[in-house]
Amino acid sequence: MTMQLIKGEFPASDAIELVSQLVQVKIKYHEQKISNQMNEEDIKSREKKIKKLQEDLSELKFFIGSIPGSVAMISHVNIG
């Protein structure tokens, strides 16, 4: 099954805001999953995922900011 999350043309500022909010939700998910009961390896894994999301978002913001005009975006969730 596929669910379409995003499809359209957006001004760069709107595209950055939309992607930033999606990434923040995923970061919050990982933060909430970190608990005192987790072993150190699992905590480090989640922290690594959070750092990667933050780095990717930073790169994406720079990339989108370099595009003149609107930005075309498409995003799907595939479950199978």
PDB file of N, CA and C in Angstrom:
ATOM      1  N   MET A   1       0.851  -1.177   0.000  1.00  0.00           N
ATOM      2  CA  MET A   1       0.000   0.000   0.000  1.00  0.00           C
ATOM      3  C   MET A   1       0.893   1.234   0.000  1.00  0.00           C
ATOM      4  N   THR A   2       0.460   2.238  -0.720  1.00  0.00           N
ATOM      5  CA  THR A   2       1.189   3.498  -0.798  1.00  0.00           C
ATOM      6  C   THR A   2       0.265   4.633  -0.398  1.00  0.00           C
ATOM      7  N   MET A   3       0.797   5.515   0.430  1.00  0.00           N
ATOM      8  CA  MET A   3       0.063   6.712   0.832  1.00  0.00           C
ATOM      9  C   MET A   3       0.853   7.936   0.387  1.00  0.00           C
ATOM     10  N   GLN A   4       0.218   8.819  -0.347  1.00  0.00           N
ATOM     11  CA  GLN A   4       0.884  10.027  -0.804  1.00  0.00           C
ATOM     12  C   GLN A   4       0.813  11.081   0.292  1.00  0.00           C
ATOM     13  N   LEU A   5       1.980  11.590   0.712  1.00  0.00           N
ATOM     14  CA  LEU A   5       2.036  12.621   1.745  1.00  0.00           C
ATOM     15  C   LEU A   5       2.108  14.022   1.150  1.00  0.00           C
ATOM     16  N   ILE A   6       2.935  14.173   0.132  1.00  0.00           N
ATOM     17  CA  ILE A   6       3.157  15.496  -0.456  1.00  0.00           C
ATOM     18  C   ILE A   6       3.170  15.363  -1.968  1.00  0.00           C
ATOM     19  N   LYS A   7       2.523  16.298  -2.636  1.00  0.00           N
ATOM     20  CA  LYS A   7       2.621  16.384  -4.092  1.00  0.00           C
ATOM     21  C   LYS A   7       2.234  17.794  -4.480  1.00  0.00           C
ATOM     22  N   GLY A   8       3.166  18.487  -5.104  1.00  0.00           N
ATOM     23  CA  GLY A   8       2.843  19.823  -5.570  1.00  0.00           C
ATOM     24  C   GLY A   8       4.044  20.722  -5.727  1.00  0.00           C
ATOM     25  N   GLU A   9       3.748  21.945  -6.121  1.00  0.00           N
ATOM     26  CA  GLU A   9       4.757  22.992  -6.266  1.00  0.00           C
ATOM     27  C   GLU A   9       4.606  23.934  -5.085  1.00  0.00           C
ATOM     28  N   PHE A  10       5.718  24.267  -4.448  1.00  0.00           N
ATOM     29  CA  PHE A  10       5.701  25.103  -3.259  1.00  0.00           C
ATOM     30  C   PHE A  10       6.752  26.193  -3.365  1.00  0.00           C
ATOM     31  N   PRO A  11       6.447  27.394  -2.846  1.00  0.00           N
ATOM     32  CA  PRO A  11       7.523  28.383  -2.719  1.00  0.00           C
ATOM     33  C   PRO A  11       8.619  27.780  -1.834  1.00  0.00           C
ATOM     34  N   ALA A  12       9.863  28.172  -2.050  1.00  0.00           N
ATOM     35  CA  ALA A  12      10.984  27.584  -1.314  1.00  0.00           C
ATOM     36  C   ALA A  12      10.766  27.657   0.194  1.00  0.00           C
ATOM     37  N   SER A  13      10.276  28.762   0.690  1.00  0.00           N
ATOM     38  CA  SER A  13      10.089  28.898   2.144  1.00  0.00           C
ATOM     39  C   SER A  13       9.045  27.906   2.665  1.00  0.00           C
ATOM     40  N   ASP A  14       7.988  27.680   1.899  1.00  0.00           N
ATOM     41  CA  ASP A  14       6.962  26.706   2.299  1.00  0.00           C
ATOM     42  C   ASP A  14       7.506  25.277   2.232  1.00  0.00           C
ATOM     43  N   ALA A  15       8.299  24.991   1.207  1.00  0.00           N
ATOM     44  CA  ALA A  15       8.890  23.654   1.071  1.00  0.00           C
ATOM     45  C   ALA A  15       9.806  23.364   2.253  1.00  0.00           C
ATOM     46  N   ILE A  16      10.622  24.337   2.623  1.00  0.00           N
ATOM     47  CA  ILE A  16      11.523  24.168   3.767  1.00  0.00           C
ATOM     48  C   ILE A  16      10.716  23.956   5.043  1.00  0.00           C
ATOM     49  N   GLU A  17       9.681  24.739   5.229  1.00  0.00           N
ATOM     50  CA  GLU A  17       8.856  24.614   6.439  1.00  0.00           C
ATOM     51  C   GLU A  17       8.179  23.239   6.503  1.00  0.00           C
ATOM     52  N   LEU A  18       7.629  22.788   5.396  1.00  0.00           N
ATOM     53  CA  LEU A  18       6.931  21.508   5.360  1.00  0.00           C
ATOM     54  C   LEU A  18       7.877  20.349   5.672  1.00  0.00           C
ATOM     55  N   VAL A  19       9.025  20.325   5.014  1.00  0.00           N
ATOM     56  CA  VAL A  19       9.986  19.248   5.246  1.00  0.00           C
ATOM     57  C   VAL A  19      10.542  19.337   6.663  1.00  0.00           C
ATOM     58  N   SER A  20      10.793  20.534   7.144  1.00  0.00           N
ATOM     59  CA  SER A  20      11.306  20.708   8.511  1.00  0.00           C
ATOM     60  C   SER A  20      10.340  20.148   9.537  1.00  0.00           C
ATOM     61  N   GLN A  21       9.063  20.414   9.351  1.00  0.00           N
ATOM     62  CA  GLN A  21       8.071  19.906  10.298  1.00  0.00           C
ATOM     63  C   GLN A  21       7.985  18.381  10.253  1.00  0.00           C
ATOM     64  N   LEU A  22       8.068  17.795   9.068  1.00  0.00           N
ATOM     65  CA  LEU A  22       8.043  16.336   8.953  1.00  0.00           C
ATOM     66  C   LEU A  22       9.255  15.719   9.650  1.00  0.00           C
ATOM     67  N   VAL A  23      10.418  16.316   9.433  1.00  0.00           N
ATOM     68  CA  VAL A  23      11.636  15.804  10.064  1.00  0.00           C
ATOM     69  C   VAL A  23      11.563  15.959  11.577  1.00  0.00           C
ATOM     70  N   GLN A  24      11.021  17.072  12.050  1.00  0.00           N
ATOM     71  CA  GLN A  24      10.902  17.274  13.498  1.00  0.00           C
ATOM     72  C   GLN A  24       9.990  16.222  14.137  1.00  0.00           C
ATOM     73  N   VAL A  25       8.958  15.816  13.440  1.00  0.00           N
ATOM     74  CA  VAL A  25       8.084  14.756  13.956  1.00  0.00           C
ATOM     75  C   VAL A  25       8.870  13.450  14.093  1.00  0.00           C
ATOM     76  N   LYS A  26       9.684  13.147  13.100  1.00  0.00           N
ATOM     77  CA  LYS A  26      10.464  11.910  13.158  1.00  0.00           C
ATOM     78  C   LYS A  26      11.528  11.992  14.259  1.00  0.00           C
ATOM     79  N   ILE A  27      12.144  13.140  14.435  1.00  0.00           N
ATOM     80  CA  ILE A  27      13.120  13.320  15.513  1.00  0.00           C
ATOM     81  C   ILE A  27      12.437  13.132  16.869  1.00  0.00           C
ATOM     82  N   LYS A  28      11.277  13.733  17.025  1.00  0.00           N
ATOM     83  CA  LYS A  28      10.536  13.608  18.285  1.00  0.00           C
ATOM     84  C   LYS A  28      10.182  12.143  18.550  1.00  0.00           C
ATOM     85  N   TYR A  29       9.828  11.412  17.512  1.00  0.00           N
ATOM     86  CA  TYR A  29       9.517   9.984  17.649  1.00  0.00           C
ATOM     87  C   TYR A  29      10.716   9.248  18.242  1.00  0.00           C
ATOM     88  N   HIS A  30      11.898   9.482  17.669  1.00  0.00           N
ATOM     89  CA  HIS A  30      13.096   8.807  18.163  1.00  0.00           C
ATOM     90  C   HIS A  30      13.427   9.243  19.586  1.00  0.00           C
ATOM     91  N   GLU A  31      13.265  10.514  19.886  1.00  0.00           N
ATOM     92  CA  GLU A  31      13.537  11.006  21.242  1.00  0.00           C
ATOM     93  C   GLU A  31      12.616  10.344  22.261  1.00  0.00           C
ATOM     94  N   GLN A  32      11.361  10.183  21.902  1.00  0.00           N
ATOM     95  CA  GLN A  32      10.401   9.572  22.814  1.00  0.00           C
ATOM     96  C   GLN A  32      10.664   8.084  23.025  1.00  0.00           C
ATOM     97  N   LYS A  33      11.286   7.426  22.069  1.00  0.00           N
ATOM     98  CA  LYS A  33      11.583   6.004  22.176  1.00  0.00           C
ATOM     99  C   LYS A  33      12.806   5.735  23.057  1.00  0.00           C
ATOM    100  N   ILE A  34      13.632   6.763  23.256  1.00  0.00           N
ATOM    101  CA  ILE A  34      14.799   6.596  24.128  1.00  0.00           C
ATOM    102  C   ILE A  34      14.312   6.589  25.570  1.00  0.00           C
ATOM    103  N   SER A  35      14.652   5.529  26.280  1.00  0.00           N
ATOM    104  CA  SER A  35      14.235   5.420  27.675  1.00  0.00           C
ATOM    105  C   SER A  35      15.373   4.868  28.517  1.00  0.00           C
ATOM    106  N   ASN A  36      15.186   4.929  29.812  1.00  0.00           N
ATOM    107  CA  ASN A  36      16.199   4.410  30.732  1.00  0.00           C
ATOM    108  C   ASN A  36      16.341   2.900  30.627  1.00  0.00           C
ATOM    109  N   GLN A  37      15.320   2.228  30.126  1.00  0.00           N
ATOM    110  CA  GLN A  37      15.370   0.771  30.003  1.00  0.00           C
ATOM    111  C   GLN A  37      16.163   0.307  28.768  1.00  0.00           C
ATOM    112  N   MET A  38      16.437   1.223  27.846  1.00  0.00           N
ATOM    113  CA  MET A  38      17.165   0.842  26.635  1.00  0.00           C
ATOM    114  C   MET A  38      18.633   0.621  26.962  1.00  0.00           C
ATOM    115  N   ASN A  39      19.226  -0.303  26.239  1.00  0.00           N
ATOM    116  CA  ASN A  39      20.665  -0.482  26.421  1.00  0.00           C
ATOM    117  C   ASN A  39      21.412   0.618  25.669  1.00  0.00           C
ATOM    118  N   GLU A  40      22.666   0.763  25.985  1.00  0.00           N
ATOM    119  CA  GLU A  40      23.466   1.859  25.428  1.00  0.00           C
ATOM    120  C   GLU A  40      23.542   1.798  23.908  1.00  0.00           C
ATOM    121  N   GLU A  41      23.609   0.597  23.359  1.00  0.00           N
ATOM    122  CA  GLU A  41      23.694   0.432  21.908  1.00  0.00           C
ATOM    123  C   GLU A  41      22.431   0.956  21.217  1.00  0.00           C
ATOM    124  N   ASP A  42      21.253   0.659  21.769  1.00  0.00           N
ATOM    125  CA  ASP A  42      19.993   1.134  21.186  1.00  0.00           C
ATOM    126  C   ASP A  42      19.881   2.655  21.283  1.00  0.00           C
ATOM    127  N   ILE A  43      20.303   3.196  22.413  1.00  0.00           N
ATOM    128  CA  ILE A  43      20.266   4.659  22.590  1.00  0.00           C
ATOM    129  C   ILE A  43      21.176   5.327  21.565  1.00  0.00           C
ATOM    130  N   LYS A  44      22.382   4.801  21.410  1.00  0.00           N
ATOM    131  CA  LYS A  44      23.329   5.374  20.443  1.00  0.00           C
ATOM    132  C   LYS A  44      22.789   5.284  19.020  1.00  0.00           C
ATOM    133  N   SER A  45      22.102   4.182  18.719  1.00  0.00           N
ATOM    134  CA  SER A  45      21.516   4.014  17.392  1.00  0.00           C
ATOM    135  C   SER A  45      20.463   5.094  17.120  1.00  0.00           C
ATOM    136  N   ARG A  46      19.607   5.330  18.085  1.00  0.00           N
ATOM    137  CA  ARG A  46      18.568   6.369  17.927  1.00  0.00           C
ATOM    138  C   ARG A  46      19.208   7.755  17.836  1.00  0.00           C
ATOM    139  N   GLU A  47      20.214   8.007  18.654  1.00  0.00           N
ATOM    140  CA  GLU A  47      20.901   9.300  18.611  1.00  0.00           C
ATOM    141  C   GLU A  47      21.579   9.515  17.259  1.00  0.00           C
ATOM    142  N   LYS A  48      22.128   8.434  16.697  1.00  0.00           N
ATOM    143  CA  LYS A  48      22.752   8.510  15.373  1.00  0.00           C
ATOM    144  C   LYS A  48      21.707   8.842  14.305  1.00  0.00           C
ATOM    145  N   LYS A  49      20.535   8.232  14.409  1.00  0.00           N
ATOM    146  CA  LYS A  49      19.452   8.515  13.461  1.00  0.00           C
ATOM    147  C   LYS A  49      19.007   9.968  13.564  1.00  0.00           C
ATOM    148  N   ILE A  50      18.909  10.479  14.787  1.00  0.00           N
ATOM    149  CA  ILE A  50      18.509  11.877  14.994  1.00  0.00           C
ATOM    150  C   ILE A  50      19.544  12.811  14.375  1.00  0.00           C
ATOM    151  N   LYS A  51      20.807  12.541  14.616  1.00  0.00           N
ATOM    152  CA  LYS A  51      21.875  13.387  14.057  1.00  0.00           C
ATOM    153  C   LYS A  51      21.837  13.372  12.535  1.00  0.00           C
ATOM    154  N   LYS A  52      21.625  12.197  11.949  1.00  0.00           N
ATOM    155  CA  LYS A  52      21.550  12.079  10.485  1.00  0.00           C
ATOM    156  C   LYS A  52      20.366  12.871   9.931  1.00  0.00           C
ATOM    157  N   LEU A  53      19.219  12.798  10.596  1.00  0.00           N
ATOM    158  CA  LEU A  53      18.059  13.581  10.170  1.00  0.00           C
ATOM    159  C   LEU A  53      18.363  15.075  10.206  1.00  0.00           C
ATOM    160  N   GLN A  54      19.029  15.522  11.260  1.00  0.00           N
ATOM    161  CA  GLN A  54      19.373  16.937  11.388  1.00  0.00           C
ATOM    162  C   GLN A  54      20.350  17.369  10.293  1.00  0.00           C
ATOM    163  N   GLU A  55      21.332  16.528  10.008  1.00  0.00           N
ATOM    164  CA  GLU A  55      22.299  16.838   8.946  1.00  0.00           C
ATOM    165  C   GLU A  55      21.623  16.880   7.579  1.00  0.00           C
ATOM    166  N   ASP A  56      20.784  15.882   7.305  1.00  0.00           N
ATOM    167  CA  ASP A  56      20.085  15.847   6.019  1.00  0.00           C
ATOM    168  C   ASP A  56      19.166  17.051   5.852  1.00  0.00           C
ATOM    169  N   LEU A  57      18.500  17.447   6.921  1.00  0.00           N
ATOM    170  CA  LEU A  57      17.620  18.608   6.854  1.00  0.00           C
ATOM    171  C   LEU A  57      18.415  19.871   6.561  1.00  0.00           C
ATOM    172  N   SER A  58      19.557  20.011   7.187  1.00  0.00           N
ATOM    173  CA  SER A  58      20.403  21.171   6.947  1.00  0.00           C
ATOM    174  C   SER A  58      20.834  21.249   5.477  1.00  0.00           C
ATOM    175  N   GLU A  59      21.247  20.111   4.925  1.00  0.00           N
ATOM    176  CA  GLU A  59      21.638  20.057   3.508  1.00  0.00           C
ATOM    177  C   GLU A  59      20.455  20.374   2.601  1.00  0.00           C
ATOM    178  N   LEU A  60      19.288  19.841   2.936  1.00  0.00           N
ATOM    179  CA  LEU A  60      18.094  20.069   2.136  1.00  0.00           C
ATOM    180  C   LEU A  60      17.693  21.542   2.141  1.00  0.00           C
ATOM    181  N   LYS A  61      17.775  22.173   3.297  1.00  0.00           N
ATOM    182  CA  LYS A  61      17.451  23.599   3.393  1.00  0.00           C
ATOM    183  C   LYS A  61      18.372  24.408   2.487  1.00  0.00           C
ATOM    184  N   PHE A  62      19.661  24.087   2.506  1.00  0.00           N
ATOM    185  CA  PHE A  62      20.617  24.787   1.650  1.00  0.00           C
ATOM    186  C   PHE A  62      20.281  24.565   0.179  1.00  0.00           C
ATOM    187  N   PHE A  63      19.976  23.313  -0.176  1.00  0.00           N
ATOM    188  CA  PHE A  63      19.652  22.980  -1.561  1.00  0.00           C
ATOM    189  C   PHE A  63      18.394  23.704  -2.026  1.00  0.00           C
ATOM    190  N   ILE A  64      17.335  23.636  -1.229  1.00  0.00           N
ATOM    191  CA  ILE A  64      16.075  24.289  -1.607  1.00  0.00           C
ATOM    192  C   ILE A  64      16.276  25.800  -1.719  1.00  0.00           C
ATOM    193  N   GLY A  65      17.062  26.358  -0.815  1.00  0.00           N
ATOM    194  CA  GLY A  65      17.325  27.798  -0.853  1.00  0.00           C
ATOM    195  C   GLY A  65      18.044  28.245  -2.111  1.00  0.00           C
ATOM    196  N   SER A  66      18.717  27.322  -2.788  1.00  0.00           N
ATOM    197  CA  SER A  66      19.449  27.669  -4.011  1.00  0.00           C
ATOM    198  C   SER A  66      18.593  27.553  -5.264  1.00  0.00           C
ATOM    199  N   ILE A  67      17.358  27.086  -5.117  1.00  0.00           N
ATOM    200  CA  ILE A  67      16.469  26.906  -6.271  1.00  0.00           C
ATOM    201  C   ILE A  67      15.619  28.161  -6.449  1.00  0.00           C
ATOM    202  N   PRO A  68      15.707  28.782  -7.629  1.00  0.00           N
ATOM    203  CA  PRO A  68      14.853  29.959  -7.865  1.00  0.00           C
ATOM    204  C   PRO A  68      13.406  29.543  -8.122  1.00  0.00           C
ATOM    205  N   GLY A  69      12.476  30.349  -7.655  1.00  0.00           N
ATOM    206  CA  GLY A  69      11.062  30.058  -7.895  1.00  0.00           C
ATOM    207  C   GLY A  69      10.539  28.978  -6.975  1.00  0.00           C
ATOM    208  N   SER A  70       9.583  28.227  -7.490  1.00  0.00           N
ATOM    209  CA  SER A  70       8.937  27.207  -6.665  1.00  0.00           C
ATOM    210  C   SER A  70       9.679  25.874  -6.756  1.00  0.00           C
ATOM    211  N   VAL A  71       9.356  25.013  -5.803  1.00  0.00           N
ATOM    212  CA  VAL A  71      10.013  23.713  -5.693  1.00  0.00           C
ATOM    213  C   VAL A  71       8.952  22.628  -5.857  1.00  0.00           C
ATOM    214  N   ALA A  72       9.201  21.668  -6.742  1.00  0.00           N
ATOM    215  CA  ALA A  72       8.293  20.530  -6.909  1.00  0.00           C
ATOM    216  C   ALA A  72       8.690  19.459  -5.911  1.00  0.00           C
ATOM    217  N   MET A  73       7.698  18.967  -5.153  1.00  0.00           N
ATOM    218  CA  MET A  73       7.974  17.922  -4.173  1.00  0.00           C
ATOM    219  C   MET A  73       6.932  16.822  -4.273  1.00  0.00           C
ATOM    220  N   ILE A  74       7.418  15.596  -4.128  1.00  0.00           N
ATOM    221  CA  ILE A  74       6.544  14.415  -4.070  1.00  0.00           C
ATOM    222  C   ILE A  74       7.103  13.510  -2.978  1.00  0.00           C
ATOM    223  N   SER A  75       6.225  13.021  -2.105  1.00  0.00           N
ATOM    224  CA  SER A  75       6.640  12.109  -1.043  1.00  0.00           C
ATOM    225  C   SER A  75       5.558  11.061  -0.821  1.00  0.00           C
ATOM    226  N   HIS A  76       6.009   9.816  -0.708  1.00  0.00           N
ATOM    227  CA  HIS A  76       5.097   8.698  -0.468  1.00  0.00           C
ATOM    228  C   HIS A  76       5.588   7.884   0.718  1.00  0.00           C
ATOM    229  N   VAL A  77       4.656   7.202   1.346  1.00  0.00           N
ATOM    230  CA  VAL A  77       4.984   6.171   2.326  1.00  0.00           C
ATOM    231  C   VAL A  77       4.566   4.850   1.703  1.00  0.00           C
ATOM    232  N   ASN A  78       5.519   3.943   1.556  1.00  0.00           N
ATOM    233  CA  ASN A  78       5.243   2.623   0.978  1.00  0.00           C
ATOM    234  C   ASN A  78       5.262   1.589   2.087  1.00  0.00           C
ATOM    235  N   ILE A  79       4.184   0.848   2.217  1.00  0.00           N
ATOM    236  CA  ILE A  79       4.096  -0.203   3.221  1.00  0.00           C
ATOM    237  C   ILE A  79       3.884  -1.522   2.488  1.00  0.00           C
ATOM    238  N   GLY A  80       4.755  -2.463   2.757  1.00  0.00           N
ATOM    239  CA  GLY A  80       4.625  -3.702   2.036  1.00  0.00           C
ATOM    240  C   GLY A  80       5.244  -4.853   2.745  1.00  0.00           C
TER     241      GLY A  80
END
